[in-house]
Amino acid sequence: MPALPELAALQQQPTDHHRAQLLSLALAARAGADAGFAAALEAWHRQAQLIAPGTATGNASTYISGGTQGNVVTTRDVFGGIQLGQPVVPPTGPAAEDRP
């Protein structure tokens, strides 16, 4: 069955993104050649999204050009906060213009 070698390879190293991409390509090729498999794969995908809604498809992209940039964050789904660096603490004591 097509995609079985790719599935086995990913099972050996489940965090390997390259192996995951190869499995994705093999599944897409099989779905393109087999309408019944395509329908079953789509049904499985819908069920998986109900179980793990953070896995929805979509893209996030950023294009930055010219000059120096500060912190740049590109994200899609965020569940919780984002903090870059240390929180800013207001100065205490005399104002800066009052200091020698």
N, C-alpha and C. Protein backbone atom coordinates (compact mmCIF):
# COMPACT_ATOMS: atom_id res chain seq x y z
N MET A 1 0.85 -1.18 0.00
CA MET A 1 0.00 0.00 0.00
C MET A 1 0.90 1.24 0.00
N PRO A 2 0.64 2.20 -0.90
CA PRO A 2 1.42 3.43 -0.90
C PRO A 2 1.30 4.16 0.44
N ALA A 3 2.35 4.78 0.85
CA ALA A 3 2.45 5.58 2.08
C ALA A 3 2.86 4.75 3.29
N LEU A 4 2.81 3.41 3.20
CA LEU A 4 3.21 2.61 4.36
C LEU A 4 4.68 2.78 4.71
N PRO A 5 5.61 2.82 3.75
CA PRO A 5 7.02 3.04 4.13
C PRO A 5 7.23 4.40 4.81
N GLU A 6 6.52 5.42 4.32
CA GLU A 6 6.63 6.76 4.92
C GLU A 6 6.05 6.78 6.33
N LEU A 7 4.94 6.07 6.51
CA LEU A 7 4.33 5.98 7.84
C LEU A 7 5.27 5.27 8.80
N ALA A 8 5.85 4.16 8.37
CA ALA A 8 6.78 3.41 9.23
C ALA A 8 7.99 4.27 9.60
N ALA A 9 8.51 5.03 8.63
CA ALA A 9 9.67 5.89 8.90
C ALA A 9 9.31 6.96 9.92
N LEU A 10 8.13 7.56 9.80
CA LEU A 10 7.71 8.59 10.75
C LEU A 10 7.47 7.99 12.14
N GLN A 11 6.95 6.78 12.20
CA GLN A 11 6.74 6.14 13.50
C GLN A 11 8.07 5.91 14.22
N GLN A 12 9.15 5.69 13.47
CA GLN A 12 10.47 5.50 14.08
C GLN A 12 10.99 6.80 14.67
N GLN A 13 10.70 7.92 14.02
CA GLN A 13 11.15 9.24 14.50
C GLN A 13 9.99 10.22 14.35
N PRO A 14 9.03 10.20 15.29
CA PRO A 14 7.80 10.99 15.14
C PRO A 14 7.99 12.51 15.15
N THR A 15 9.13 13.00 15.58
CA THR A 15 9.35 14.46 15.58
C THR A 15 10.11 14.93 14.35
N ASP A 16 10.40 14.04 13.42
CA ASP A 16 11.16 14.39 12.21
C ASP A 16 10.21 15.03 11.19
N HIS A 17 10.32 16.34 11.03
CA HIS A 17 9.43 17.08 10.13
C HIS A 17 9.59 16.65 8.67
N HIS A 18 10.79 16.28 8.28
CA HIS A 18 11.02 15.84 6.90
C HIS A 18 10.25 14.54 6.63
N ARG A 19 10.30 13.61 7.57
CA ARG A 19 9.56 12.35 7.40
C ARG A 19 8.05 12.61 7.38
N ALA A 20 7.60 13.55 8.19
CA ALA A 20 6.17 13.90 8.20
C ALA A 20 5.76 14.47 6.84
N GLN A 21 6.62 15.31 6.26
CA GLN A 21 6.33 15.89 4.95
C GLN A 21 6.27 14.80 3.88
N LEU A 22 7.19 13.83 3.95
CA LEU A 22 7.17 12.73 2.98
C LEU A 22 5.88 11.92 3.10
N LEU A 23 5.42 11.70 4.33
CA LEU A 23 4.15 10.98 4.51
C LEU A 23 2.99 11.79 3.94
N SER A 24 3.01 13.09 4.19
CA SER A 24 1.96 13.96 3.65
C SER A 24 1.90 13.89 2.13
N LEU A 25 3.06 13.93 1.50
CA LEU A 25 3.11 13.85 0.03
C LEU A 25 2.61 12.50 -0.47
N ALA A 26 2.98 11.43 0.21
CA ALA A 26 2.53 10.09 -0.20
C ALA A 26 1.02 9.96 -0.05
N LEU A 27 0.48 10.49 1.05
CA LEU A 27 -0.97 10.44 1.23
C LEU A 27 -1.70 11.26 0.18
N ALA A 28 -1.17 12.42 -0.14
CA ALA A 28 -1.79 13.26 -1.17
C ALA A 28 -1.76 12.57 -2.53
N ALA A 29 -0.65 11.91 -2.84
CA ALA A 29 -0.56 11.20 -4.12
C ALA A 29 -1.58 10.06 -4.18
N ARG A 30 -1.71 9.32 -3.08
CA ARG A 30 -2.68 8.23 -3.06
C ARG A 30 -4.09 8.77 -3.17
N ALA A 31 -4.38 9.87 -2.46
CA ALA A 31 -5.71 10.47 -2.52
C ALA A 31 -6.02 10.95 -3.94
N GLY A 32 -5.01 11.44 -4.64
CA GLY A 32 -5.21 11.89 -6.01
C GLY A 32 -5.52 10.76 -6.97
N ALA A 33 -5.07 9.55 -6.63
CA ALA A 33 -5.28 8.40 -7.51
C ALA A 33 -6.46 7.53 -7.09
N ASP A 34 -7.01 7.75 -5.89
CA ASP A 34 -8.04 6.87 -5.35
C ASP A 34 -9.10 7.73 -4.67
N ALA A 35 -10.24 7.91 -5.32
CA ALA A 35 -11.30 8.77 -4.78
C ALA A 35 -11.84 8.26 -3.45
N GLY A 36 -11.93 6.96 -3.28
CA GLY A 36 -12.40 6.39 -2.02
C GLY A 36 -11.43 6.70 -0.89
N PHE A 37 -10.13 6.58 -1.17
CA PHE A 37 -9.13 6.91 -0.17
C PHE A 37 -9.18 8.40 0.16
N ALA A 38 -9.37 9.23 -0.87
CA ALA A 38 -9.45 10.68 -0.66
C ALA A 38 -10.61 11.02 0.27
N ALA A 39 -11.76 10.39 0.07
CA ALA A 39 -12.92 10.65 0.92
C ALA A 39 -12.67 10.19 2.35
N ALA A 40 -12.04 9.03 2.51
CA ALA A 40 -11.74 8.53 3.86
C ALA A 40 -10.71 9.42 4.55
N LEU A 41 -9.72 9.89 3.81
CA LEU A 41 -8.70 10.77 4.37
C LEU A 41 -9.31 12.09 4.81
N GLU A 42 -10.21 12.63 4.01
CA GLU A 42 -10.90 13.89 4.36
C GLU A 42 -11.76 13.70 5.61
N ALA A 43 -12.46 12.58 5.71
CA ALA A 43 -13.28 12.31 6.90
C ALA A 43 -12.39 12.18 8.13
N TRP A 44 -11.26 11.50 8.00
CA TRP A 44 -10.33 11.38 9.12
C TRP A 44 -9.81 12.75 9.53
N HIS A 45 -9.50 13.59 8.56
CA HIS A 45 -8.98 14.93 8.85
C HIS A 45 -10.01 15.76 9.61
N ARG A 46 -11.27 15.70 9.21
CA ARG A 46 -12.33 16.42 9.92
C ARG A 46 -12.44 15.95 11.37
N GLN A 47 -12.38 14.64 11.58
CA GLN A 47 -12.44 14.09 12.94
C GLN A 47 -11.23 14.54 13.76
N ALA A 48 -10.06 14.54 13.16
CA ALA A 48 -8.84 14.95 13.87
C ALA A 48 -8.93 16.42 14.29
N GLN A 49 -9.52 17.26 13.46
CA GLN A 49 -9.66 18.68 13.81
C GLN A 49 -10.62 18.88 14.98
N LEU A 50 -11.61 18.00 15.13
CA LEU A 50 -12.51 18.09 16.28
C LEU A 50 -11.79 17.71 17.57
N ILE A 51 -10.89 16.76 17.47
CA ILE A 51 -10.13 16.31 18.64
C ILE A 51 -9.04 17.30 19.01
N ALA A 52 -8.35 17.82 18.00
CA ALA A 52 -7.23 18.75 18.23
C ALA A 52 -7.44 19.99 17.36
N PRO A 53 -8.31 20.92 17.80
CA PRO A 53 -8.65 22.07 16.96
C PRO A 53 -7.47 22.96 16.62
N GLY A 54 -6.39 22.93 17.40
CA GLY A 54 -5.22 23.76 17.10
C GLY A 54 -4.45 23.29 15.89
N THR A 55 -4.86 22.17 15.29
CA THR A 55 -4.15 21.65 14.14
C THR A 55 -4.79 22.05 12.82
N ALA A 56 -5.67 23.04 12.86
CA ALA A 56 -6.33 23.49 11.64
C ALA A 56 -5.29 23.97 10.63
N THR A 57 -5.64 23.86 9.38
CA THR A 57 -4.71 24.28 8.34
C THR A 57 -4.78 25.78 8.16
N GLY A 58 -3.75 26.32 7.60
CA GLY A 58 -3.67 27.75 7.34
C GLY A 58 -2.23 28.20 7.33
N ASN A 59 -2.02 29.42 6.96
CA ASN A 59 -0.67 29.92 6.85
C ASN A 59 -0.50 31.20 7.64
N ALA A 60 0.70 31.43 8.04
CA ALA A 60 1.10 32.72 8.61
C ALA A 60 2.41 33.06 7.93
N SER A 61 2.53 34.27 7.44
CA SER A 61 3.78 34.65 6.80
C SER A 61 4.06 36.13 7.05
N THR A 62 5.32 36.46 7.00
CA THR A 62 5.75 37.83 7.21
C THR A 62 6.82 38.15 6.19
N TYR A 63 6.74 39.34 5.63
CA TYR A 63 7.78 39.81 4.71
C TYR A 63 8.35 41.09 5.32
N ILE A 64 9.64 41.08 5.58
CA ILE A 64 10.31 42.23 6.17
C ILE A 64 11.44 42.63 5.24
N SER A 65 11.54 43.91 4.96
CA SER A 65 12.65 44.34 4.11
C SER A 65 13.17 45.68 4.60
N GLY A 66 14.44 45.89 4.36
CA GLY A 66 15.07 47.18 4.65
C GLY A 66 15.20 47.49 6.11
N GLY A 67 16.30 48.12 6.45
CA GLY A 67 16.50 48.63 7.80
C GLY A 67 16.65 47.56 8.85
N THR A 68 16.82 48.03 10.05
CA THR A 68 16.96 47.14 11.20
C THR A 68 15.60 46.98 11.86
N GLN A 69 15.27 45.76 12.17
CA GLN A 69 13.99 45.47 12.80
C GLN A 69 14.23 45.15 14.27
N GLY A 70 13.27 45.46 15.08
CA GLY A 70 13.29 45.04 16.49
C GLY A 70 12.79 43.62 16.56
N ASN A 71 12.05 43.32 17.58
CA ASN A 71 11.46 41.99 17.70
C ASN A 71 10.37 41.82 16.66
N VAL A 72 10.37 40.69 16.00
CA VAL A 72 9.34 40.37 15.02
C VAL A 72 8.79 39.00 15.36
N VAL A 73 7.48 38.89 15.42
CA VAL A 73 6.83 37.62 15.72
C VAL A 73 5.84 37.34 14.61
N THR A 74 5.94 36.15 14.04
CA THR A 74 4.94 35.69 13.09
C THR A 74 4.27 34.49 13.72
N THR A 75 2.97 34.53 13.81
CA THR A 75 2.25 33.44 14.45
C THR A 75 0.90 33.27 13.78
N ARG A 76 0.29 32.17 14.04
CA ARG A 76 -1.05 31.92 13.55
C ARG A 76 -1.97 31.77 14.73
N ASP A 77 -2.04 30.61 15.33
CA ASP A 77 -2.91 30.40 16.48
C ASP A 77 -2.09 30.54 17.75
N VAL A 78 -2.55 31.39 18.65
CA VAL A 78 -1.88 31.56 19.94
C VAL A 78 -2.91 31.28 21.03
N PHE A 79 -2.58 30.38 21.91
CA PHE A 79 -3.42 30.06 23.04
C PHE A 79 -2.62 30.44 24.28
N GLY A 80 -2.86 31.64 24.80
CA GLY A 80 -2.06 32.16 25.90
C GLY A 80 -1.39 33.44 25.45
N GLY A 81 -0.42 33.89 26.23
CA GLY A 81 0.24 35.16 25.93
C GLY A 81 1.57 34.97 25.24
N ILE A 82 2.08 36.08 24.76
CA ILE A 82 3.42 36.13 24.17
C ILE A 82 4.18 37.21 24.91
N GLN A 83 5.36 36.87 25.38
CA GLN A 83 6.20 37.86 26.07
C GLN A 83 7.59 37.79 25.47
N LEU A 84 8.11 38.93 25.06
CA LEU A 84 9.47 39.00 24.52
C LEU A 84 10.34 39.74 25.51
N GLY A 85 11.42 39.13 25.94
CA GLY A 85 12.33 39.80 26.86
C GLY A 85 11.75 39.95 28.25
N GLN A 86 12.33 40.83 29.02
CA GLN A 86 11.90 41.07 30.39
C GLN A 86 10.83 42.15 30.42
N PRO A 87 9.91 42.10 31.39
CA PRO A 87 8.91 43.15 31.49
C PRO A 87 9.58 44.48 31.85
N VAL A 88 9.04 45.56 31.36
CA VAL A 88 9.58 46.89 31.64
C VAL A 88 9.14 47.30 33.04
N VAL A 89 10.11 47.70 33.85
CA VAL A 89 9.82 48.16 35.20
C VAL A 89 10.02 49.66 35.23
N PRO A 90 9.01 50.43 35.62
CA PRO A 90 9.16 51.88 35.62
C PRO A 90 10.24 52.30 36.62
N PRO A 91 11.00 53.33 36.30
CA PRO A 91 12.05 53.79 37.21
C PRO A 91 11.44 54.32 38.50
N THR A 92 12.19 54.20 39.58
CA THR A 92 11.75 54.76 40.85
C THR A 92 12.71 55.86 41.25
N GLY A 93 12.28 56.73 42.11
CA GLY A 93 13.14 57.82 42.55
C GLY A 93 12.95 59.04 41.69
N PRO A 94 13.91 59.99 41.75
CA PRO A 94 13.77 61.25 41.00
C PRO A 94 13.68 61.00 39.50
N ALA A 95 12.95 61.85 38.81
CA ALA A 95 12.82 61.76 37.35
C ALA A 95 14.18 61.94 36.72
N ALA A 96 14.35 61.39 35.52
CA ALA A 96 15.64 61.43 34.85
C ALA A 96 16.13 62.87 34.67
N GLU A 97 15.23 63.80 34.38
CA GLU A 97 15.66 65.19 34.16
C GLU A 97 16.11 65.87 35.45
N ASP A 98 15.75 65.31 36.62
CA ASP A 98 16.16 65.87 37.90
C ASP A 98 17.49 65.31 38.37
N ARG A 99 18.04 64.28 37.70
CA ARG A 99 19.28 63.66 38.11
C ARG A 99 20.47 64.49 37.62
N PRO A 100 21.57 64.49 38.41
CA PRO A 100 22.78 65.22 37.96
C PRO A 100 23.42 64.59 36.76
